[in-house]
Amino acid sequence: MTRHLLKLLDLSREDISEILDLADQLKYNLKNGIKHDLLSGKTLAMIFEKNSTRTRVSFETGIYQLGGYGVFLSSTESQLGRGEPIRDTARVLSRYCDGIMIRTYEQEKVEELAKYSTVPVINGLSDFCHPCQVLADLMTIRERMTRLEGLKVCYIGDGNNMANSIIVGCLKCGMDISVACPSDYSPHRTVLDFASTVTDAKLTLTENVEEATAGADVLFTDVWASMGQEKDAETRRKAFRGYQINAEVMALAAPGAIVQHCLPAHRGEEITDEVFEAYADAIFDEAENRLHAQKAVMALLIGKK
């Protein structure tokens, strides 16, 4: 494993497999009442500049289940909200805590935090990527499909942080991925450049939902307007009209295909209520697996500190 988890681009296929294998074991241990206090006495600082349900609860619960303690810090309740440089926050928290998780806007802030921190830093979400979510997604796909390599994944919607991370995660694990999005909302150039270097899996970028969906084993989508994009919501609704997972789209997928959504879902926009409910078990398995995947990341990073 690397010293930090800042983005999936930094991980190898072997790193991802190590995380997923440990996540599977920790999930088994929890379900069977097997003690796994791998981080006994350790403290995780959790910086939130974006609101959260799943990220906060899964990290806070996860560090507790590993025997440690989580300290919640919002930008309105810490000196970050008063303009303290992120580099100073990194140096202070490194002296108090054994690891730092941050959920923020700019990827540059995550990278700077790691540069000045002497303890592991975990990216809980940035506008560029969402690595912990996609580790949970990969865990869920492997549980449901028993493998990753050789599958076809389809992502429909905004080429946002989720799209960036799912592209990288799929390609690193040997899965082809097709992304259907309007040309003005394509994934980040850094991710597209990475995709062009991969030889054992491929990315297909298209504006055509039917083309992207054909034969897909797993279908992903995300909200059309992410946090911080509320002022553009109406423009985005117009741009993404038709970029929806619905019954007609599912009919083009491979037999036994599953649907994944990082949540919260805007039913009737990026996914219909009918499809969401039909695949709710897989979607909420995915949500649960945030807990297990993040526990594995914390154990691997903070446990070796």
C-alpha atoms as a PDB file:
ATOM      1  CA  MET A   1       0.000   0.000   0.000  1.00  0.00           C
ATOM      2  CA  THR A   2       0.964   3.604  -0.489  1.00  0.00           C
ATOM      3  CA  ARG A   3       1.430   5.883   2.517  1.00  0.00           C
ATOM      4  CA  HIS A   4      -1.848   7.732   1.829  1.00  0.00           C
ATOM      5  CA  LEU A   5      -5.082   7.135  -0.097  1.00  0.00           C
ATOM      6  CA  LEU A   6      -5.450  10.326  -2.135  1.00  0.00           C
ATOM      7  CA  LYS A   7      -6.776   8.870  -5.415  1.00  0.00           C
ATOM      8  CA  LEU A   8      -7.050   5.483  -7.070  1.00  0.00           C
ATOM      9  CA  LEU A   9      -4.501   6.552  -9.663  1.00  0.00           C
ATOM     10  CA  ASP A  10      -1.888   6.124  -6.929  1.00  0.00           C
ATOM     11  CA  LEU A  11      -2.791   2.463  -6.287  1.00  0.00           C
ATOM     12  CA  SER A  12      -1.700  -0.651  -8.138  1.00  0.00           C
ATOM     13  CA  ARG A  13      -3.992  -3.564  -8.936  1.00  0.00           C
ATOM     14  CA  GLU A  14      -2.258  -5.444  -6.121  1.00  0.00           C
ATOM     15  CA  ASP A  15      -2.983  -2.595  -3.686  1.00  0.00           C
ATOM     16  CA  ILE A  16      -6.664  -2.693  -4.590  1.00  0.00           C
ATOM     17  CA  SER A  17      -6.803  -6.478  -4.187  1.00  0.00           C
ATOM     18  CA  GLU A  18      -5.154  -6.196  -0.768  1.00  0.00           C
ATOM     19  CA  ILE A  19      -7.775  -3.669   0.351  1.00  0.00           C
ATOM     20  CA  LEU A  20     -10.680  -5.732  -0.984  1.00  0.00           C
ATOM     21  CA  ASP A  21      -9.397  -8.977   0.539  1.00  0.00           C
ATOM     22  CA  LEU A  22      -9.047  -7.357   3.950  1.00  0.00           C
ATOM     23  CA  ALA A  23     -12.462  -5.685   3.575  1.00  0.00           C
ATOM     24  CA  ASP A  24     -14.017  -9.098   2.923  1.00  0.00           C
ATOM     25  CA  GLN A  25     -12.346 -10.489   6.043  1.00  0.00           C
ATOM     26  CA  LEU A  26     -13.382  -7.552   8.234  1.00  0.00           C
ATOM     27  CA  LYS A  27     -16.972  -7.844   6.991  1.00  0.00           C
ATOM     28  CA  TYR A  28     -16.943 -11.540   7.862  1.00  0.00           C
ATOM     29  CA  ASN A  29     -15.486 -10.806  11.288  1.00  0.00           C
ATOM     30  CA  LEU A  30     -18.135  -8.195  12.042  1.00  0.00           C
ATOM     31  CA  LYS A  31     -21.015 -10.424  10.913  1.00  0.00           C
ATOM     32  CA  ASN A  32     -19.717 -13.307  13.028  1.00  0.00           C
ATOM     33  CA  GLY A  33     -18.812 -11.386  16.170  1.00  0.00           C
ATOM     34  CA  ILE A  34     -15.067 -11.913  15.752  1.00  0.00           C
ATOM     35  CA  LYS A  35     -13.013  -9.252  17.502  1.00  0.00           C
ATOM     36  CA  HIS A  36     -10.937  -7.133  15.122  1.00  0.00           C
ATOM     37  CA  ASP A  37      -9.644  -4.169  17.119  1.00  0.00           C
ATOM     38  CA  LEU A  38      -6.712  -3.647  14.767  1.00  0.00           C
ATOM     39  CA  LEU A  39      -6.494   0.071  15.608  1.00  0.00           C
ATOM     40  CA  SER A  40      -6.880  -0.087  19.366  1.00  0.00           C
ATOM     41  CA  GLY A  41      -6.004   3.286  20.893  1.00  0.00           C
ATOM     42  CA  LYS A  42      -5.661   5.003  17.486  1.00  0.00           C
ATOM     43  CA  THR A  43      -7.384   8.297  16.650  1.00  0.00           C
ATOM     44  CA  LEU A  44      -8.695   9.468  13.266  1.00  0.00           C
ATOM     45  CA  ALA A  45      -9.254  13.178  12.620  1.00  0.00           C
ATOM     46  CA  MET A  46     -12.185  13.610  10.222  1.00  0.00           C
ATOM     47  CA  ILE A  47     -12.285  16.954   8.386  1.00  0.00           C
ATOM     48  CA  PHE A  48     -15.587  17.773   6.679  1.00  0.00           C
ATOM     49  CA  GLU A  49     -15.871  20.778   4.390  1.00  0.00           C
ATOM     50  CA  LYS A  50     -18.779  19.088   2.586  1.00  0.00           C
ATOM     51  CA  ASN A  51     -21.866  17.718   4.315  1.00  0.00           C
ATOM     52  CA  SER A  52     -22.162  13.971   4.579  1.00  0.00           C
ATOM     53  CA  THR A  53     -24.256  11.035   5.718  1.00  0.00           C
ATOM     54  CA  ARG A  54     -22.487   7.877   4.541  1.00  0.00           C
ATOM     55  CA  THR A  55     -18.911   9.166   4.744  1.00  0.00           C
ATOM     56  CA  ARG A  56     -19.197  10.442   8.296  1.00  0.00           C
ATOM     57  CA  VAL A  57     -21.161   7.514   9.710  1.00  0.00           C
ATOM     58  CA  SER A  58     -19.068   4.839   7.982  1.00  0.00           C
ATOM     59  CA  PHE A  59     -15.724   6.335   9.014  1.00  0.00           C
ATOM     60  CA  GLU A  60     -16.815   7.124  12.555  1.00  0.00           C
ATOM     61  CA  THR A  61     -18.381   3.692  13.028  1.00  0.00           C
ATOM     62  CA  GLY A  62     -15.474   1.997  11.283  1.00  0.00           C
ATOM     63  CA  ILE A  63     -12.719   3.449  13.444  1.00  0.00           C
ATOM     64  CA  TYR A  64     -14.771   2.579  16.540  1.00  0.00           C
ATOM     65  CA  GLN A  65     -15.221  -1.042  15.389  1.00  0.00           C
ATOM     66  CA  LEU A  66     -11.454  -1.233  14.850  1.00  0.00           C
ATOM     67  CA  GLY A  67     -10.911  -0.140  18.453  1.00  0.00           C
ATOM     68  CA  GLY A  68     -10.063   3.482  17.755  1.00  0.00           C
ATOM     69  CA  TYR A  69     -11.767   6.848  18.015  1.00  0.00           C
ATOM     70  CA  GLY A  70     -12.909   9.381  15.441  1.00  0.00           C
ATOM     71  CA  VAL A  71     -12.764  13.163  15.947  1.00  0.00           C
ATOM     72  CA  PHE A  72     -15.239  15.094  13.771  1.00  0.00           C
ATOM     73  CA  LEU A  73     -14.080  18.516  12.530  1.00  0.00           C
ATOM     74  CA  SER A  74     -16.345  20.682  10.366  1.00  0.00           C
ATOM     75  CA  SER A  75     -15.017  23.761   8.590  1.00  0.00           C
ATOM     76  CA  THR A  76     -17.432  25.911  10.610  1.00  0.00           C
ATOM     77  CA  GLU A  77     -16.167  24.530  13.918  1.00  0.00           C
ATOM     78  CA  SER A  78     -12.415  24.461  13.292  1.00  0.00           C
ATOM     79  CA  GLN A  79      -9.748  27.014  12.463  1.00  0.00           C
ATOM     80  CA  LEU A  80      -9.891  25.961   8.802  1.00  0.00           C
ATOM     81  CA  GLY A  81     -13.100  27.963   8.620  1.00  0.00           C
ATOM     82  CA  ARG A  82     -11.200  31.027   9.816  1.00  0.00           C
ATOM     83  CA  GLY A  83      -8.503  30.736   7.196  1.00  0.00           C
ATOM     84  CA  GLU A  84      -5.831  28.581   8.848  1.00  0.00           C
ATOM     85  CA  PRO A  85      -3.636  27.170   6.052  1.00  0.00           C
ATOM     86  CA  ILE A  86      -4.169  23.491   5.346  1.00  0.00           C
ATOM     87  CA  ARG A  87      -0.439  22.893   5.801  1.00  0.00           C
ATOM     88  CA  ASP A  88      -0.652  24.151   9.399  1.00  0.00           C
ATOM     89  CA  THR A  89      -3.722  22.034  10.076  1.00  0.00           C
ATOM     90  CA  ALA A  90      -1.808  19.016   8.748  1.00  0.00           C
ATOM     91  CA  ARG A  91       1.154  19.633  11.027  1.00  0.00           C
ATOM     92  CA  VAL A  92      -1.021  20.159  14.099  1.00  0.00           C
ATOM     93  CA  LEU A  93      -3.302  17.159  13.580  1.00  0.00           C
ATOM     94  CA  SER A  94      -0.304  14.942  12.846  1.00  0.00           C
ATOM     95  CA  ARG A  95       0.854  15.565  16.425  1.00  0.00           C
ATOM     96  CA  TYR A  96      -2.503  14.655  17.918  1.00  0.00           C
ATOM     97  CA  CYS A  97      -3.898  11.890  15.705  1.00  0.00           C
ATOM     98  CA  ASP A  98      -2.809   8.719  13.942  1.00  0.00           C
ATOM     99  CA  GLY A  99      -4.589   9.446  10.669  1.00  0.00           C
ATOM    100  CA  ILE A 100      -6.573  12.160   8.901  1.00  0.00           C
ATOM    101  CA  MET A 101      -9.613  11.791   6.643  1.00  0.00           C
ATOM    102  CA  ILE A 102     -10.794  14.800   4.633  1.00  0.00           C
ATOM    103  CA  ARG A 103     -13.964  15.391   2.608  1.00  0.00           C
ATOM    104  CA  THR A 104     -13.517  18.601   0.661  1.00  0.00           C
ATOM    105  CA  TYR A 105     -13.797  20.385  -2.679  1.00  0.00           C
ATOM    106  CA  GLU A 106     -10.337  20.826  -4.198  1.00  0.00           C
ATOM    107  CA  GLN A 107      -8.121  17.803  -4.812  1.00  0.00           C
ATOM    108  CA  GLU A 108      -5.178  20.160  -4.336  1.00  0.00           C
ATOM    109  CA  LYS A 109      -6.199  20.581  -0.707  1.00  0.00           C
ATOM    110  CA  VAL A 110      -6.086  16.810  -0.192  1.00  0.00           C
ATOM    111  CA  GLU A 111      -2.646  16.636  -1.793  1.00  0.00           C
ATOM    112  CA  GLU A 112      -1.311  19.534   0.287  1.00  0.00           C
ATOM    113  CA  LEU A 113      -2.667  18.004   3.476  1.00  0.00           C
ATOM    114  CA  ALA A 114      -0.765  14.803   2.688  1.00  0.00           C
ATOM    115  CA  LYS A 115       2.397  16.719   1.782  1.00  0.00           C
ATOM    116  CA  TYR A 116       2.629  18.310   5.223  1.00  0.00           C
ATOM    117  CA  SER A 117       1.154  15.482   7.286  1.00  0.00           C
ATOM    118  CA  THR A 118       3.343  12.944   9.049  1.00  0.00           C
ATOM    119  CA  VAL A 119       0.387  10.550   9.431  1.00  0.00           C
ATOM    120  CA  PRO A 120      -1.681   8.807   6.707  1.00  0.00           C
ATOM    121  CA  VAL A 121      -4.259  10.925   4.869  1.00  0.00           C
ATOM    122  CA  ILE A 122      -7.426   9.427   3.354  1.00  0.00           C
ATOM    123  CA  ASN A 123      -9.481  11.210   0.717  1.00  0.00           C
ATOM    124  CA  GLY A 124     -13.125  10.870   1.780  1.00  0.00           C
ATOM    125  CA  LEU A 125     -14.191  12.769  -1.347  1.00  0.00           C
ATOM    126  CA  SER A 126     -13.005  15.660  -3.484  1.00  0.00           C
ATOM    127  CA  ASP A 127     -14.354  17.245  -6.635  1.00  0.00           C
ATOM    128  CA  PHE A 128     -11.811  15.226  -8.617  1.00  0.00           C
ATOM    129  CA  CYS A 129     -12.318  11.753  -7.181  1.00  0.00           C
ATOM    130  CA  HIS A 130     -14.099   9.520  -4.696  1.00  0.00           C
ATOM    131  CA  PRO A 131     -11.705   6.621  -4.064  1.00  0.00           C
ATOM    132  CA  CYS A 132     -13.358   5.140  -0.957  1.00  0.00           C
ATOM    133  CA  GLN A 133     -16.718   4.924  -2.703  1.00  0.00           C
ATOM    134  CA  VAL A 134     -15.255   3.094  -5.667  1.00  0.00           C
ATOM    135  CA  LEU A 135     -13.388   0.634  -3.444  1.00  0.00           C
ATOM    136  CA  ALA A 136     -16.797  -0.194  -1.950  1.00  0.00           C
ATOM    137  CA  ASP A 137     -18.210  -0.472  -5.479  1.00  0.00           C
ATOM    138  CA  LEU A 138     -15.475  -2.902  -6.518  1.00  0.00           C
ATOM    139  CA  MET A 139     -16.056  -4.916  -3.354  1.00  0.00           C
ATOM    140  CA  THR A 140     -19.771  -5.148  -4.147  1.00  0.00           C
ATOM    141  CA  ILE A 141     -19.213  -6.147  -7.761  1.00  0.00           C
ATOM    142  CA  ARG A 142     -16.814  -8.880  -6.685  1.00  0.00           C
ATOM    143  CA  GLU A 143     -19.289 -10.156  -4.102  1.00  0.00           C
ATOM    144  CA  ARG A 144     -22.114 -10.227  -6.618  1.00  0.00           C
ATOM    145  CA  MET A 145     -20.218 -11.408  -9.699  1.00  0.00           C
ATOM    146  CA  THR A 146     -17.448 -13.423  -7.927  1.00  0.00           C
ATOM    147  CA  ARG A 147     -14.832 -11.679 -10.068  1.00  0.00           C
ATOM    148  CA  LEU A 148     -13.793  -8.344 -11.522  1.00  0.00           C
ATOM    149  CA  GLU A 149     -11.517  -9.058 -14.448  1.00  0.00           C
ATOM    150  CA  GLY A 150     -13.294  -9.423 -17.770  1.00  0.00           C
ATOM    151  CA  LEU A 151     -16.565  -7.736 -16.784  1.00  0.00           C
ATOM    152  CA  LYS A 152     -18.084  -4.793 -18.639  1.00  0.00           C
ATOM    153  CA  VAL A 153     -19.155  -1.765 -16.606  1.00  0.00           C
ATOM    154  CA  CYS A 154     -21.299   1.102 -17.851  1.00  0.00           C
ATOM    155  CA  TYR A 155     -21.505   4.564 -16.309  1.00  0.00           C
ATOM    156  CA  ILE A 156     -24.281   6.937 -17.388  1.00  0.00           C
ATOM    157  CA  GLY A 157     -24.333  10.631 -16.507  1.00  0.00           C
ATOM    158  CA  ASP A 158     -21.965  13.357 -15.385  1.00  0.00           C
ATOM    159  CA  GLY A 159     -18.235  12.833 -15.877  1.00  0.00           C
ATOM    160  CA  ASN A 160     -17.682  13.859 -12.265  1.00  0.00           C
ATOM    161  CA  ASN A 161     -15.586  12.580  -9.358  1.00  0.00           C
ATOM    162  CA  MET A 162     -17.497   9.292  -9.356  1.00  0.00           C
ATOM    163  CA  ALA A 163     -16.952   8.802 -13.075  1.00  0.00           C
ATOM    164  CA  ASN A 164     -13.258   9.620 -12.702  1.00  0.00           C
ATOM    165  CA  SER A 165     -12.770   7.080  -9.932  1.00  0.00           C
ATOM    166  CA  ILE A 166     -14.895   4.307 -11.403  1.00  0.00           C
ATOM    167  CA  ILE A 167     -12.990   4.567 -14.686  1.00  0.00           C
ATOM    168  CA  VAL A 168      -9.656   4.242 -12.896  1.00  0.00           C
ATOM    169  CA  GLY A 169     -10.876   1.473 -10.577  1.00  0.00           C
ATOM    170  CA  CYS A 170     -12.332  -0.594 -13.400  1.00  0.00           C
ATOM    171  CA  LEU A 171      -9.330  -0.283 -15.690  1.00  0.00           C
ATOM    172  CA  LYS A 172      -6.876  -1.102 -12.910  1.00  0.00           C
ATOM    173  CA  CYS A 173      -8.883  -4.255 -12.146  1.00  0.00           C
ATOM    174  CA  GLY A 174      -9.114  -5.433 -15.755  1.00  0.00           C
ATOM    175  CA  MET A 175     -12.687  -4.370 -16.504  1.00  0.00           C
ATOM    176  CA  ASP A 176     -13.834  -2.605 -19.649  1.00  0.00           C
ATOM    177  CA  ILE A 177     -15.908   0.496 -18.972  1.00  0.00           C
ATOM    178  CA  SER A 178     -18.189   2.506 -21.222  1.00  0.00           C
ATOM    179  CA  VAL A 179     -19.133   6.032 -20.166  1.00  0.00           C
ATOM    180  CA  ALA A 180     -22.149   7.786 -21.660  1.00  0.00           C
ATOM    181  CA  CYS A 181     -22.171  11.525 -21.029  1.00  0.00           C
ATOM    182  CA  PRO A 182     -22.718  14.780 -22.931  1.00  0.00           C
ATOM    183  CA  SER A 183     -19.504  16.014 -24.531  1.00  0.00           C
ATOM    184  CA  ASP A 184     -19.414  19.101 -22.305  1.00  0.00           C
ATOM    185  CA  TYR A 185     -19.429  16.932 -19.181  1.00  0.00           C
ATOM    186  CA  SER A 186     -16.651  14.453 -19.937  1.00  0.00           C
ATOM    187  CA  PRO A 187     -14.402  12.899 -17.285  1.00  0.00           C
ATOM    188  CA  HIS A 188     -11.213  14.711 -16.274  1.00  0.00           C
ATOM    189  CA  ARG A 189      -8.389  14.853 -18.817  1.00  0.00           C
ATOM    190  CA  THR A 190      -5.980  13.247 -16.313  1.00  0.00           C
ATOM    191  CA  VAL A 191      -8.227  10.193 -16.174  1.00  0.00           C
ATOM    192  CA  LEU A 192      -8.616  10.021 -19.946  1.00  0.00           C
ATOM    193  CA  ASP A 193      -4.845  10.232 -20.343  1.00  0.00           C
ATOM    194  CA  PHE A 194      -4.434   7.363 -17.881  1.00  0.00           C
ATOM    195  CA  ALA A 195      -7.024   5.296 -19.744  1.00  0.00           C
ATOM    196  CA  SER A 196      -5.047   5.680 -22.962  1.00  0.00           C
ATOM    197  CA  THR A 197      -2.082   3.883 -21.346  1.00  0.00           C
ATOM    198  CA  VAL A 198      -4.011   0.775 -20.233  1.00  0.00           C
ATOM    199  CA  THR A 199      -3.524  -2.261 -22.453  1.00  0.00           C
ATOM    200  CA  ASP A 200      -5.571  -5.043 -20.810  1.00  0.00           C
ATOM    201  CA  ALA A 201      -8.881  -3.160 -20.463  1.00  0.00           C
ATOM    202  CA  LYS A 202     -10.487  -0.299 -22.350  1.00  0.00           C
ATOM    203  CA  LEU A 203     -12.524   2.847 -21.853  1.00  0.00           C
ATOM    204  CA  THR A 204     -15.220   3.740 -24.374  1.00  0.00           C
ATOM    205  CA  LEU A 205     -16.470   7.321 -24.176  1.00  0.00           C
ATOM    206  CA  THR A 206     -19.730   8.056 -25.978  1.00  0.00           C
ATOM    207  CA  GLU A 207     -22.767  10.333 -25.932  1.00  0.00           C
ATOM    208  CA  ASN A 208     -25.000   7.363 -26.740  1.00  0.00           C
ATOM    209  CA  VAL A 209     -26.585   5.626 -23.731  1.00  0.00           C
ATOM    210  CA  GLU A 210     -27.663   2.566 -25.706  1.00  0.00           C
ATOM    211  CA  GLU A 211     -24.146   2.018 -27.062  1.00  0.00           C
ATOM    212  CA  ALA A 212     -22.616   2.281 -23.605  1.00  0.00           C
ATOM    213  CA  THR A 213     -25.165  -0.023 -21.999  1.00  0.00           C
ATOM    214  CA  ALA A 214     -25.147  -2.883 -24.495  1.00  0.00           C
ATOM    215  CA  GLY A 215     -23.973  -6.063 -22.767  1.00  0.00           C
ATOM    216  CA  ALA A 216     -22.965  -4.328 -19.527  1.00  0.00           C
ATOM    217  CA  ASP A 217     -22.686  -6.465 -16.395  1.00  0.00           C
ATOM    218  CA  VAL A 218     -22.830  -3.480 -14.021  1.00  0.00           C
ATOM    219  CA  LEU A 219     -24.515  -0.112 -14.542  1.00  0.00           C
ATOM    220  CA  PHE A 220     -23.565   2.995 -12.560  1.00  0.00           C
ATOM    221  CA  THR A 221     -25.035   6.450 -12.356  1.00  0.00           C
ATOM    222  CA  ASP A 222     -24.865   9.513 -10.104  1.00  0.00           C
ATOM    223  CA  VAL A 223     -26.842  12.698  -9.537  1.00  0.00           C
ATOM    224  CA  TRP A 224     -26.843  15.257 -12.322  1.00  0.00           C
ATOM    225  CA  ALA A 225     -25.906  18.126  -9.986  1.00  0.00           C
ATOM    226  CA  SER A 226     -23.429  17.316  -7.224  1.00  0.00           C
ATOM    227  CA  MET A 227     -22.902  19.251  -4.008  1.00  0.00           C
ATOM    228  CA  GLY A 228     -21.760  22.766  -4.844  1.00  0.00           C
ATOM    229  CA  GLN A 229     -23.422  22.706  -8.286  1.00  0.00           C
ATOM    230  CA  GLU A 230     -26.919  23.612  -7.112  1.00  0.00           C
ATOM    231  CA  LYS A 231     -26.950  26.906  -9.019  1.00  0.00           C
ATOM    232  CA  ASP A 232     -26.465  24.959 -12.264  1.00  0.00           C
ATOM    233  CA  ALA A 233     -29.132  22.368 -11.490  1.00  0.00           C
ATOM    234  CA  GLU A 234     -31.614  23.473 -14.151  1.00  0.00           C
ATOM    235  CA  THR A 235     -28.942  23.720 -16.856  1.00  0.00           C
ATOM    236  CA  ARG A 236     -27.759  20.262 -15.923  1.00  0.00           C
ATOM    237  CA  ARG A 237     -31.272  18.811 -16.003  1.00  0.00           C
ATOM    238  CA  LYS A 238     -31.556  19.930 -19.603  1.00  0.00           C
ATOM    239  CA  ALA A 239     -28.094  18.650 -20.530  1.00  0.00           C
ATOM    240  CA  PHE A 240     -28.623  15.227 -18.956  1.00  0.00           C
ATOM    241  CA  ARG A 241     -32.185  14.600 -20.105  1.00  0.00           C
ATOM    242  CA  GLY A 242     -32.118  11.074 -21.507  1.00  0.00           C
ATOM    243  CA  TYR A 243     -29.041  10.050 -19.492  1.00  0.00           C
ATOM    244  CA  GLN A 244     -31.097   7.867 -17.196  1.00  0.00           C
ATOM    245  CA  ILE A 245     -31.086   4.250 -16.077  1.00  0.00           C
ATOM    246  CA  ASN A 246     -34.606   3.008 -16.782  1.00  0.00           C
ATOM    247  CA  ALA A 247     -36.331  -0.188 -17.859  1.00  0.00           C
ATOM    248  CA  GLU A 248     -35.482   0.366 -21.527  1.00  0.00           C
ATOM    249  CA  VAL A 249     -31.797   0.791 -20.700  1.00  0.00           C
ATOM    250  CA  MET A 250     -31.760  -2.266 -18.438  1.00  0.00           C
ATOM    251  CA  ALA A 251     -33.175  -4.359 -21.287  1.00  0.00           C
ATOM    252  CA  LEU A 252     -29.924  -3.730 -23.198  1.00  0.00           C
ATOM    253  CA  ALA A 253     -27.668  -4.894 -20.367  1.00  0.00           C
ATOM    254  CA  ALA A 254     -26.300  -8.406 -19.944  1.00  0.00           C
ATOM    255  CA  PRO A 255     -28.496 -11.027 -18.245  1.00  0.00           C
ATOM    256  CA  GLY A 256     -28.025 -10.818 -14.471  1.00  0.00           C
ATOM    257  CA  ALA A 257     -26.689  -7.257 -14.608  1.00  0.00           C
ATOM    258  CA  ILE A 258     -26.751  -5.179 -11.430  1.00  0.00           C
ATOM    259  CA  VAL A 259     -27.155  -1.459 -10.785  1.00  0.00           C
ATOM    260  CA  GLN A 260     -25.010   0.638  -8.460  1.00  0.00           C
ATOM    261  CA  HIS A 261     -25.560   4.182  -7.176  1.00  0.00           C
ATOM    262  CA  CYS A 262     -23.335   6.013  -4.688  1.00  0.00           C
ATOM    263  CA  LEU A 263     -26.388   7.788  -3.185  1.00  0.00           C
ATOM    264  CA  PRO A 264     -28.269   9.936  -2.528  1.00  0.00           C
ATOM    265  CA  ALA A 265     -30.405   9.182  -5.571  1.00  0.00           C
ATOM    266  CA  HIS A 266     -32.724  11.632  -7.305  1.00  0.00           C
ATOM    267  CA  ARG A 267     -35.366   9.206  -8.486  1.00  0.00           C
ATOM    268  CA  GLY A 268     -36.968  10.278 -11.716  1.00  0.00           C
ATOM    269  CA  GLU A 269     -33.785  12.019 -12.873  1.00  0.00           C
ATOM    270  CA  GLU A 270     -30.675   9.829 -13.250  1.00  0.00           C
ATOM    271  CA  ILE A 271     -32.586   6.651 -12.310  1.00  0.00           C
ATOM    272  CA  THR A 272     -36.241   5.709 -12.248  1.00  0.00           C
ATOM    273  CA  ASP A 273     -37.910   4.661  -9.030  1.00  0.00           C
ATOM    274  CA  GLU A 274     -38.822   1.352 -10.655  1.00  0.00           C
ATOM    275  CA  VAL A 275     -35.218   0.454 -11.462  1.00  0.00           C
ATOM    276  CA  PHE A 276     -33.894   1.733  -8.140  1.00  0.00           C
ATOM    277  CA  GLU A 277     -36.263  -0.465  -6.169  1.00  0.00           C
ATOM    278  CA  ALA A 278     -35.649  -3.477  -8.392  1.00  0.00           C
ATOM    279  CA  TYR A 279     -31.920  -3.278  -7.639  1.00  0.00           C
ATOM    280  CA  ALA A 280     -32.107  -1.814  -4.138  1.00  0.00           C
ATOM    281  CA  ASP A 281     -30.484  -4.840  -2.493  1.00  0.00           C
ATOM    282  CA  ALA A 282     -27.311  -4.390  -4.543  1.00  0.00           C
ATOM    283  CA  ILE A 283     -27.357  -0.608  -4.070  1.00  0.00           C
ATOM    284  CA  PHE A 284     -27.595  -0.850  -0.293  1.00  0.00           C
ATOM    285  CA  ASP A 285     -24.999  -3.641  -0.182  1.00  0.00           C
ATOM    286  CA  GLU A 286     -22.806  -1.098  -1.951  1.00  0.00           C
ATOM    287  CA  ALA A 287     -23.640   1.526   0.694  1.00  0.00           C
ATOM    288  CA  GLU A 288     -22.854  -0.918   3.506  1.00  0.00           C
ATOM    289  CA  ASN A 289     -19.559  -1.842   1.922  1.00  0.00           C
ATOM    290  CA  ARG A 290     -18.322   1.711   2.409  1.00  0.00           C
ATOM    291  CA  LEU A 291     -17.925   0.701   6.052  1.00  0.00           C
ATOM    292  CA  HIS A 292     -15.920  -2.436   5.345  1.00  0.00           C
ATOM    293  CA  ALA A 293     -13.741  -1.011   2.560  1.00  0.00           C
ATOM    294  CA  GLN A 294     -12.848   2.055   4.623  1.00  0.00           C
ATOM    295  CA  LYS A 295     -12.048  -0.090   7.642  1.00  0.00           C
ATOM    296  CA  ALA A 296      -9.609  -2.000   5.450  1.00  0.00           C
ATOM    297  CA  VAL A 297      -8.015   1.249   4.238  1.00  0.00           C
ATOM    298  CA  MET A 298      -7.667   2.551   7.794  1.00  0.00           C
ATOM    299  CA  ALA A 299      -6.245  -0.726   9.066  1.00  0.00           C
ATOM    300  CA  LEU A 300      -3.671  -0.915   6.270  1.00  0.00           C
ATOM    301  CA  LEU A 301      -2.588   2.707   6.487  1.00  0.00           C
ATOM    302  CA  ILE A 302      -2.873   3.589  10.163  1.00  0.00           C
ATOM    303  CA  GLY A 303      -2.073   0.099  11.440  1.00  0.00           C
ATOM    304  CA  LYS A 304       1.412   0.210   9.945  1.00  0.00           C
ATOM    305  CA  LYS A 305       2.154   3.753  11.132  1.00  0.00           C
END
